[in-house]
Protein backbone atom coordinates (compact mmCIF):
# COMPACT_ATOMS: atom_id res chain seq x y z
CA MET A 1 21.29 12.74 1.05
CA LYS A 2 18.25 12.83 2.32
CA ASN A 3 17.44 9.45 4.75
CA ARG A 4 15.40 6.94 3.03
CA THR A 5 11.78 6.72 4.52
CA LYS A 6 8.83 4.46 4.19
CA ASN A 7 5.40 5.74 3.01
CA TRP A 8 2.23 3.85 3.71
CA ILE A 9 0.49 3.30 0.17
CA ILE A 10 -3.39 2.74 0.52
CA LYS A 11 -5.29 2.44 -2.23
CA LEU A 12 -9.01 1.71 -2.01
CA PHE A 13 -11.75 1.11 -5.37
CA LYS A 14 -15.27 1.56 -5.55
CA LEU A 15 -17.27 -0.21 -8.36
CA THR A 16 -19.75 2.20 -10.19
CA ASP A 17 -22.29 2.36 -12.87
CA GLU A 18 -23.31 5.46 -14.30
CA ASN A 19 -26.09 6.16 -11.68
CA SER A 20 -24.06 5.28 -8.64
CA ALA A 21 -21.17 7.35 -10.24
CA GLU A 22 -23.32 10.48 -10.36
CA MET A 23 -24.80 9.70 -6.85
CA PHE A 24 -21.25 9.62 -5.08
CA GLU A 25 -21.15 12.94 -3.38
CA MET A 26 -17.49 13.76 -4.21
CA GLU A 27 -17.51 16.98 -2.16
CA SER A 28 -18.73 15.61 0.89
CA LYS A 29 -16.47 12.36 0.66
CA ILE A 30 -13.25 14.55 0.06
CA LEU A 31 -13.54 16.78 2.89
CA PHE A 32 -14.20 13.92 4.82
CA CYS A 33 -10.90 12.28 3.74
CA ILE A 34 -9.08 15.38 4.36
CA LYS A 35 -10.18 15.62 7.91
CA GLN A 36 -10.00 11.89 8.61
CA ILE A 37 -5.97 12.30 7.37
CA GLU A 38 -5.49 15.53 9.27
CA LYS A 39 -6.58 13.78 12.31
CA ILE A 40 -4.31 10.96 12.28
CA SER A 41 -1.18 12.68 11.01
CA GLU A 42 -1.75 16.03 12.80
CA LEU A 43 -0.62 17.48 9.10
CA LYS A 44 -2.60 20.49 7.61
CA ALA A 45 -3.89 20.14 3.59
CA LYS A 46 -1.74 22.77 1.99
CA SER A 47 -2.62 22.88 -1.87
CA PHE A 48 -5.54 21.41 -3.92
CA ASP A 49 -6.16 20.53 -7.26
CA ILE A 50 -9.50 19.97 -8.88
CA ASN A 51 -10.16 18.01 -12.46
CA TYR A 52 -6.44 18.44 -13.32
CA GLN A 53 -6.93 22.16 -14.06
CA SER A 54 -7.47 24.46 -11.02
CA THR A 55 -4.79 24.61 -8.30
CA TYR A 56 -5.91 26.40 -4.87
CA LYS A 57 -3.52 27.37 -1.95
CA THR A 58 -6.06 27.98 0.52
CA LYS A 59 -8.55 25.51 2.15
CA SER A 60 -11.35 28.13 2.00
CA GLY A 61 -10.67 28.66 -1.88
CA PHE A 62 -10.77 25.03 -2.43
CA GLU A 63 -13.88 24.63 -0.26
CA LYS A 64 -15.41 27.07 -2.71
CA ALA A 65 -14.68 25.85 -5.84
CA LEU A 66 -15.53 21.98 -4.47
CA LYS A 67 -19.28 23.86 -3.92
CA SER A 68 -19.49 25.41 -7.19
CA ASN A 69 -17.86 22.61 -9.36
CA LYS A 70 -20.85 20.54 -10.99
CA GLU A 71 -18.59 17.55 -12.23
CA LEU A 72 -15.75 16.65 -9.70
CA VAL A 73 -13.98 14.03 -11.51
CA TYR A 74 -10.38 14.14 -9.65
CA CYS A 75 -8.92 16.07 -7.08
CA PHE A 76 -5.63 16.06 -5.35
CA VAL A 77 -4.74 17.14 -1.82
CA ASP A 78 -1.14 17.57 -0.65
CA PHE A 79 -0.20 17.97 2.46
CA ASP A 80 3.21 19.81 2.16
CA SER A 81 4.38 16.57 0.60
CA GLU A 82 7.81 18.16 -0.37
CA LYS A 83 8.59 17.83 3.30
CA THR A 84 6.08 15.42 4.53
CA GLU A 85 5.65 12.87 1.23
CA THR A 86 1.85 12.72 2.34
CA TYR A 87 -1.04 13.33 -0.38
CA PHE A 88 -3.94 11.71 -1.78
CA THR A 89 -5.88 11.71 -4.78
CA ILE A 90 -9.48 10.47 -5.40
CA SER A 91 -11.18 10.11 -8.88
CA ASN A 92 -14.54 9.55 -9.97
CA GLN A 93 -13.55 8.48 -13.77
CA MET A 94 -17.29 7.55 -15.02
CA LEU A 95 -17.90 11.43 -14.85
CA ASN A 96 -15.15 12.14 -17.43
CA LEU A 97 -16.30 9.86 -19.84
CA LYS A 98 -18.54 11.07 -23.08
CA GLU A 99 -19.26 7.65 -23.67
CA LYS A 100 -20.56 5.79 -20.59
CA PRO A 101 -19.37 2.33 -20.24
CA GLU A 102 -21.34 -0.11 -18.34
CA LYS A 103 -18.92 -0.02 -15.18
CA SER A 104 -16.19 2.22 -13.76
CA THR A 105 -14.55 2.88 -10.86
CA VAL A 106 -13.96 5.40 -7.96
CA ASP A 107 -10.46 5.34 -7.23
CA PHE A 108 -9.14 6.55 -3.81
CA CYS A 109 -4.98 6.67 -3.16
CA LEU A 110 -3.20 8.01 -0.29
CA GLN A 111 0.54 8.15 0.39
CA ILE A 112 1.62 8.76 4.15
CA SER A 113 5.11 9.05 5.35
CA THR A 114 5.45 6.64 8.29
CA GLU A 115 6.69 8.85 10.34
CA TYR A 116 3.17 10.70 11.10
CA CYS A 117 1.05 7.13 11.82
CA ASN A 118 1.76 3.73 12.74
CA GLU A 119 0.23 0.74 11.50
CA LYS A 120 -2.81 0.61 14.14
CA SER A 121 -4.12 4.08 13.05
CA ILE A 122 -3.70 3.36 9.37
CA LEU A 123 -5.83 0.34 9.83
CA GLU A 124 -8.51 2.05 11.73
CA PHE A 125 -8.49 5.10 8.86
CA ASN A 126 -8.93 2.18 6.41
CA ARG A 127 -11.86 1.02 8.04
CA ILE A 128 -13.45 4.10 8.66
CA LEU A 129 -12.86 4.97 4.95
CA ILE A 130 -14.06 1.76 3.32
CA ASP A 131 -17.27 1.85 5.57
CA GLU A 132 -18.00 5.93 4.75
CA LEU A 133 -17.32 5.53 1.11
CA GLY A 134 -18.44 2.13 0.42
CA PHE A 135 -15.26 0.82 -1.13
CA ASP A 136 -15.51 -2.85 -2.57
CA TYR A 137 -11.38 -3.61 -2.75
CA GLY A 138 -8.44 -2.04 -1.73
CA TYR A 139 -4.89 -2.75 -0.12
CA THR A 140 -2.04 -1.28 1.78
CA THR A 141 1.58 -1.70 1.72
CA LYS A 142 4.84 0.23 2.74
CA LEU A 143 7.17 1.42 0.01
CA ASP A 144 10.44 3.16 0.31
CA SER A 145 10.27 6.85 -0.51
CA ASP A 146 12.03 6.59 -4.17
CA PHE A 147 9.28 4.52 -4.86
CA ASP A 148 6.35 5.94 -7.01
CA SER A 149 2.93 5.54 -5.71
CA ALA A 150 0.91 5.11 -8.85
CA THR A 151 3.16 2.56 -10.35
CA GLU A 152 4.79 1.26 -7.09
CA ARG A 153 7.82 1.10 -8.77
CA LYS A 154 11.21 2.76 -8.10
CA MET A 155 11.63 6.45 -9.63
CA LYS A 156 14.77 6.89 -11.96
CA LYS A 157 16.61 9.83 -10.71
CA GLY A 158 17.42 11.88 -14.04
CA LEU A 159 19.45 15.34 -13.78
CA PHE A 160 16.50 17.75 -13.17
CA SER A 161 13.50 15.06 -12.13
CA THR A 162 12.39 11.71 -11.17
CA SER A 163 10.19 9.77 -13.52
CA VAL A 164 8.78 6.25 -13.83
CA LYS A 165 7.95 4.53 -17.02
CA VAL A 166 4.48 3.34 -17.48
CA LEU A 167 4.66 -0.20 -18.26
CA GLU A 168 2.08 -2.60 -20.21
CA LYS A 169 1.04 -4.16 -16.92
CA ASP A 170 -0.01 -0.84 -15.88
CA HIS A 171 -2.98 -0.50 -18.03
CA ILE A 172 -4.06 -4.13 -16.91
CA TRP A 173 -5.16 -3.05 -13.84
CA THR A 174 -6.84 0.08 -15.39
CA THR A 175 -9.12 -2.33 -17.57
CA ASN A 176 -9.55 -5.28 -15.10
CA LYS A 177 -10.47 -3.14 -11.97
CA VAL A 178 -14.22 -3.02 -12.94
CA GLU A 179 -14.21 -6.93 -12.21
CA ILE A 180 -13.45 -6.44 -8.52
CA LEU A 181 -16.88 -7.78 -7.57
CA ASN A 182 -16.27 -10.58 -9.99
CA GLY A 183 -13.18 -11.76 -7.80
CA ILE A 184 -10.62 -10.12 -9.54
CA ILE A 185 -7.51 -9.40 -7.22
CA LYS A 186 -4.64 -6.89 -8.55
CA ASN A 187 -1.78 -8.20 -6.64
CA LEU A 188 -1.03 -9.48 -3.13
CA TYR A 189 0.18 -7.20 -0.71
CA PRO A 190 0.65 -7.26 3.19
CA ILE A 191 -2.97 -6.14 3.70
CA ASN A 192 -5.72 -6.82 1.42
CA TYR A 193 -9.01 -5.77 1.51
CA ILE A 194 -11.60 -8.46 -0.47
CA ASN A 195 -15.21 -8.60 -0.72
CA GLU A 196 -17.78 -11.76 -1.21
CA SER A 197 -16.87 -12.61 -4.85
CA HIS A 198 -13.67 -13.27 -3.89
CA LEU A 199 -14.65 -16.10 -1.56
CA THR A 200 -17.43 -17.69 -4.09
CA ASN A 201 -15.16 -19.45 -6.16
CA SER A 202 -13.87 -22.52 -4.22
CA GLU A 203 -10.56 -23.03 -5.38
CA GLN A 204 -9.62 -18.79 -4.71
CA LYS A 205 -11.63 -19.08 -1.19
CA LYS A 206 -9.65 -22.39 -0.37
CA ILE A 207 -6.37 -20.56 -0.77
CA ILE A 208 -7.56 -17.29 1.01
CA SER A 209 -8.88 -19.16 3.95
CA GLU A 210 -5.53 -21.52 4.17
CA PHE A 211 -3.05 -18.70 3.90
CA GLY A 212 -2.41 -15.43 5.93
CA GLU A 213 -5.21 -14.16 8.31
CA LEU A 214 -8.59 -13.36 7.31
CA LYS A 215 -11.07 -10.99 9.37
CA LYS A 216 -14.53 -9.72 8.89
CA LEU A 217 -14.32 -5.95 8.46
CA ASN A 218 -17.82 -5.00 7.97
CA ASN A 219 -20.90 -6.96 6.42
CA ARG A 220 -19.18 -6.77 2.88
CA ILE A 221 -15.69 -6.39 2.99
CA TYR A 222 -12.84 -8.88 4.59
CA LYS A 223 -9.36 -7.64 5.63
CA TRP A 224 -6.68 -10.32 4.42
CA ASN A 225 -3.30 -10.10 6.06
CA LEU A 226 -0.22 -11.66 4.49
CA THR A 227 3.30 -12.07 5.41
CA ASP A 228 6.17 -11.20 2.91
CA SER A 229 6.75 -14.90 2.59
CA GLU A 230 3.16 -15.82 2.20
CA ILE A 231 2.67 -13.22 -0.53
CA GLU A 232 6.15 -14.79 -2.43
CA LYS A 233 4.77 -18.05 -2.29
CA LEU A 234 1.33 -17.47 -3.60
CA LYS A 235 2.71 -15.43 -6.64
CA SER A 236 5.05 -17.91 -7.46
CA THR A 237 2.53 -20.85 -7.25
CA LYS A 238 -1.32 -19.79 -7.26
CA ARG A 239 -1.53 -16.69 -9.63
CA ILE A 240 -3.80 -18.29 -11.82
CA GLU A 241 -6.28 -19.49 -9.10
CA LEU A 242 -6.17 -16.36 -7.00
CA ASN A 243 -7.30 -14.29 -10.26
CA LEU A 244 -4.24 -11.94 -9.80
CA THR A 245 -3.70 -9.28 -12.71
CA GLU A 246 0.06 -8.78 -12.25
């Protein structure tokens, strides 16, 4: 049996309206992400998927397709994940919707094996990405390799496949994440990236300043680090005050 390794899971979210979603340059941002991941991990991007339908096996073919694609809604980039467990996705969901809601999000998710980078390089990667792509909220955690990066739960091994049940709570975040500039927090993680809205409610601000370590990352975002015991304590006693969705 393969030795169980751990993976970093990095999720970042940016609030959009119709205008900012169209202005968000998916093509250059995707290429920027690839470059940064290749730099910290020394891995190479090997396969690519655009808009859930077209798959490319070469970077040049992928770059051509990016250029010619008018609406880039979703992109999946794989760094030979069968071997390395490393890949990322980025989506700009507003562009996918016929009936445009008032608000939506750009979502970024990276899974990268801890074999390829340490915490210091992950934190630096996050800082660069939050600055460059203008993310409003996010978090970083470490999960065993038999966990699914999307649901952050353990995968069930079937005879021929692994699967994860989608639960009701998975949809709660999907509908609530448009409130990331109104103080909403998905859950508590070892590394949390929060914004000013999380510090405007006095009760929420008090807890955030009393627990863990809060540091300003840039003029919009704070990094809030928590230990496992702080996470457990806050989840059992301060869920409502912290505006957690899970």
